[in-house]
Amino acid sequence: MLYIKELQEEDTKEAGRFLLATMEEAFPHPLSETARLDALYMNERLVQPQRTAVFGAYIDGEAAGTIAVRPYDDRIASIEGRYELKETCEIIKCYVDPAMRKKGIGTALLRELLHFCRQNDYHMLYLHTQLFLEGGLSFWKKQGFSVVAEENDEWETVHMEGKLATIEQVVQKTETNAAGN
């Protein structure tokens, strides 16, 4: 049975190990220092700071996926100045165990994250994915996000955004359609 929860300090070591292993499997390049530190120091970097959260998906007590949110900090040169920082968050660390994909886990994680965003006065959601991440771009498009920039570099980065209200509507419609099938 699928269970989603907002992670607390005591959950972060296990979730960090899951995240690191999943990212290392998915990326054809060595992970950045920032990515490694986010996984290793999840509590300090993604749980404790204000307006940040990490959600974990579990099936029969085993980690099946993660997603996190933090305030967007305008650090990406190709989209610098695009967002009102006070109301914009960045969705990060959305990974689902490859053996568990296509079972609604990513959408369930996103739904919990959207509730958090609403409670924390985020109105614009930013994320980036890479073309080489299997299913990443199509997943985010299906959730209502649109592409705002693409980088033609070794990381094949695609920058995406969506308004919170729009994404909530798309996710609700997707779940309603899935429940009817």
Protein backbone atom coordinates (compact mmCIF):
# COMPACT_ATOMS: atom_id res chain seq x y z
CA MET A 1 0.00 0.00 0.00
CA LEU A 2 1.26 3.48 -0.95
CA TYR A 3 1.94 5.89 1.88
CA ILE A 4 3.18 9.48 1.41
CA LYS A 5 4.56 11.55 4.27
CA GLU A 6 6.45 14.75 4.87
CA LEU A 7 9.87 13.68 6.07
CA GLN A 8 11.22 14.61 9.45
CA GLU A 9 14.80 14.50 10.73
CA GLU A 10 14.56 10.82 11.67
CA ASP A 11 13.53 9.90 8.10
CA THR A 12 16.30 11.72 6.26
CA LYS A 13 19.17 9.22 6.47
CA GLU A 14 17.17 6.44 4.80
CA ALA A 15 15.63 8.86 2.28
CA GLY A 16 19.05 10.33 1.52
CA ARG A 17 20.46 6.86 0.77
CA PHE A 18 17.48 6.11 -1.52
CA LEU A 19 17.85 9.46 -3.29
CA LEU A 20 21.61 9.14 -3.79
CA ALA A 21 21.34 5.60 -5.18
CA THR A 22 18.46 6.53 -7.48
CA MET A 23 20.21 9.64 -8.81
CA GLU A 24 23.50 7.79 -9.36
CA GLU A 25 21.63 5.16 -11.38
CA ALA A 26 19.72 7.76 -13.45
CA PHE A 27 22.52 10.22 -14.31
CA PRO A 28 25.10 9.45 -17.00
CA HIS A 29 27.46 12.04 -15.45
CA PRO A 30 28.93 12.21 -11.96
CA LEU A 31 26.56 13.98 -9.57
CA SER A 32 27.27 17.58 -8.69
CA GLU A 33 28.59 18.39 -5.25
CA THR A 34 25.31 20.18 -4.49
CA ALA A 35 23.25 17.10 -5.40
CA ARG A 36 25.42 14.89 -3.20
CA LEU A 37 25.24 17.31 -0.27
CA ASP A 38 21.44 17.64 -0.59
CA ALA A 39 21.13 13.86 -0.27
CA LEU A 40 23.72 13.45 2.50
CA TYR A 41 22.57 16.45 4.55
CA MET A 42 18.87 16.37 3.69
CA ASN A 43 17.74 17.41 7.16
CA GLU A 44 19.92 20.51 7.32
CA ARG A 45 19.40 21.52 3.67
CA LEU A 46 15.84 20.48 2.82
CA VAL A 47 13.87 19.76 6.02
CA GLN A 48 14.88 22.35 8.63
CA PRO A 49 14.92 25.59 6.57
CA GLN A 50 11.68 27.56 6.40
CA ARG A 51 9.42 27.00 3.40
CA THR A 52 11.23 23.77 2.47
CA ALA A 53 9.99 20.20 2.65
CA VAL A 54 10.78 16.70 1.47
CA PHE A 55 8.07 14.11 0.91
CA GLY A 56 8.70 10.39 0.77
CA ALA A 57 6.63 7.67 -0.85
CA TYR A 58 6.66 4.24 0.76
CA ILE A 59 5.22 0.92 -0.32
CA ASP A 60 5.09 -1.75 2.36
CA GLY A 61 7.55 0.30 4.42
CA GLU A 62 10.16 0.54 1.63
CA ALA A 63 11.18 3.86 0.07
CA ALA A 64 9.68 4.19 -3.41
CA GLY A 65 10.11 7.89 -4.21
CA THR A 66 10.93 11.40 -3.09
CA ILE A 67 10.11 14.98 -4.00
CA ALA A 68 11.26 18.21 -2.36
CA VAL A 69 10.52 21.91 -2.51
CA ARG A 70 12.48 24.99 -1.53
CA PRO A 71 12.33 28.72 -2.26
CA TYR A 72 13.73 29.50 -5.71
CA ASP A 73 16.89 31.62 -5.37
CA ASP A 74 17.38 33.01 -8.92
CA ARG A 75 20.73 31.21 -9.28
CA ILE A 76 20.21 29.98 -12.86
CA ALA A 77 21.65 32.44 -15.37
CA SER A 78 19.45 31.49 -18.33
CA ILE A 79 16.25 32.41 -16.43
CA GLU A 80 17.67 35.03 -14.08
CA GLY A 81 15.13 37.69 -13.12
CA ARG A 82 12.15 35.76 -14.50
CA TYR A 83 10.41 35.11 -11.17
CA GLU A 84 9.08 37.01 -8.18
CA LEU A 85 11.25 35.21 -5.61
CA LYS A 86 8.91 35.61 -2.63
CA GLU A 87 6.20 33.57 -4.36
CA THR A 88 8.29 31.12 -6.40
CA CYS A 89 9.47 27.71 -5.27
CA GLU A 90 11.71 25.15 -6.89
CA ILE A 91 10.65 21.52 -7.11
CA ILE A 92 13.66 19.25 -6.75
CA LYS A 93 14.63 15.65 -6.04
CA CYS A 94 11.61 14.04 -7.70
CA TYR A 95 12.69 10.46 -8.18
CA VAL A 96 10.73 7.23 -8.19
CA ASP A 97 12.27 3.78 -7.95
CA PRO A 98 12.48 2.57 -11.58
CA ALA A 99 10.68 -0.67 -10.68
CA MET A 100 7.77 1.37 -9.23
CA ARG A 101 7.20 3.85 -12.07
CA LYS A 102 3.88 4.26 -13.88
CA LYS A 103 1.94 3.48 -10.70
CA GLY A 104 0.91 7.01 -9.74
CA ILE A 105 3.68 7.53 -7.17
CA GLY A 106 5.07 10.67 -8.80
CA THR A 107 1.62 12.22 -9.04
CA ALA A 108 0.85 11.31 -5.41
CA LEU A 109 4.10 12.94 -4.30
CA LEU A 110 3.34 16.04 -6.36
CA ARG A 111 -0.17 16.29 -4.85
CA GLU A 112 1.31 16.43 -1.32
CA LEU A 113 3.88 18.98 -2.42
CA LEU A 114 1.11 21.17 -3.91
CA HIS A 115 -0.68 21.26 -0.54
CA PHE A 116 2.57 22.42 1.06
CA CYS A 117 3.01 25.09 -1.63
CA ARG A 118 -0.50 26.42 -1.03
CA GLN A 119 0.12 26.58 2.76
CA ASN A 120 3.41 28.43 2.20
CA ASP A 121 2.10 31.05 -0.24
CA TYR A 122 3.96 29.81 -3.29
CA HIS A 123 2.13 30.76 -6.49
CA MET A 124 4.70 29.89 -9.15
CA LEU A 125 6.44 26.52 -9.36
CA TYR A 126 9.79 26.20 -11.12
CA LEU A 127 11.71 23.01 -11.86
CA HIS A 128 14.26 21.68 -14.23
CA THR A 129 14.70 18.22 -15.64
CA GLN A 130 17.13 16.62 -18.05
CA LEU A 131 16.24 15.05 -21.38
CA PHE A 132 18.18 11.89 -20.47
CA LEU A 133 16.03 11.26 -17.37
CA GLU A 134 13.61 8.62 -18.54
CA GLY A 135 10.04 9.88 -18.40
CA GLY A 136 10.95 13.16 -16.69
CA LEU A 137 9.92 15.67 -19.34
CA SER A 138 6.74 13.81 -20.29
CA PHE A 139 5.73 13.44 -16.62
CA TRP A 140 6.04 17.17 -15.94
CA LYS A 141 4.20 18.12 -19.14
CA LYS A 142 1.39 15.74 -18.19
CA GLN A 143 1.15 17.53 -14.83
CA GLY A 144 0.63 20.88 -16.60
CA PHE A 145 4.13 22.35 -16.56
CA SER A 146 5.43 24.16 -19.63
CA VAL A 147 8.94 24.54 -20.99
CA VAL A 148 10.45 28.03 -20.63
CA ALA A 149 14.06 27.36 -21.69
CA GLU A 150 16.31 24.55 -22.88
CA GLU A 151 20.06 24.32 -22.50
CA ASN A 152 22.02 22.55 -25.20
CA ASP A 153 24.79 21.34 -22.94
CA GLU A 154 25.96 17.97 -21.64
CA TRP A 155 23.24 18.08 -18.94
CA GLU A 156 20.42 18.58 -21.49
CA THR A 157 18.59 20.79 -18.98
CA VAL A 158 14.98 21.77 -19.61
CA HIS A 159 13.58 24.57 -17.43
CA MET A 160 9.83 24.37 -16.68
CA GLU A 161 7.22 26.33 -14.78
CA GLY A 162 3.59 26.30 -13.80
CA LYS A 163 1.20 28.40 -11.77
CA LEU A 164 0.11 26.61 -8.61
CA ALA A 165 -3.62 26.94 -9.35
CA THR A 166 -3.18 25.54 -12.86
CA ILE A 167 -1.07 22.58 -11.74
CA GLU A 168 -3.57 21.78 -8.96
CA GLN A 169 -6.38 21.67 -11.53
CA VAL A 170 -4.43 19.41 -13.90
CA VAL A 171 -3.45 16.99 -11.10
CA GLN A 172 -7.03 16.86 -9.81
CA LYS A 173 -8.36 16.18 -13.32
CA THR A 174 -5.73 13.49 -13.90
CA GLU A 175 -6.66 11.76 -10.63
CA THR A 176 -10.38 12.02 -11.38
CA ASN A 177 -9.86 10.45 -14.79
CA ALA A 178 -7.68 7.69 -13.30
CA ALA A 179 -10.30 6.92 -10.65
CA GLY A 180 -12.96 6.59 -13.35
CA ASN A 181 -10.98 3.95 -15.25
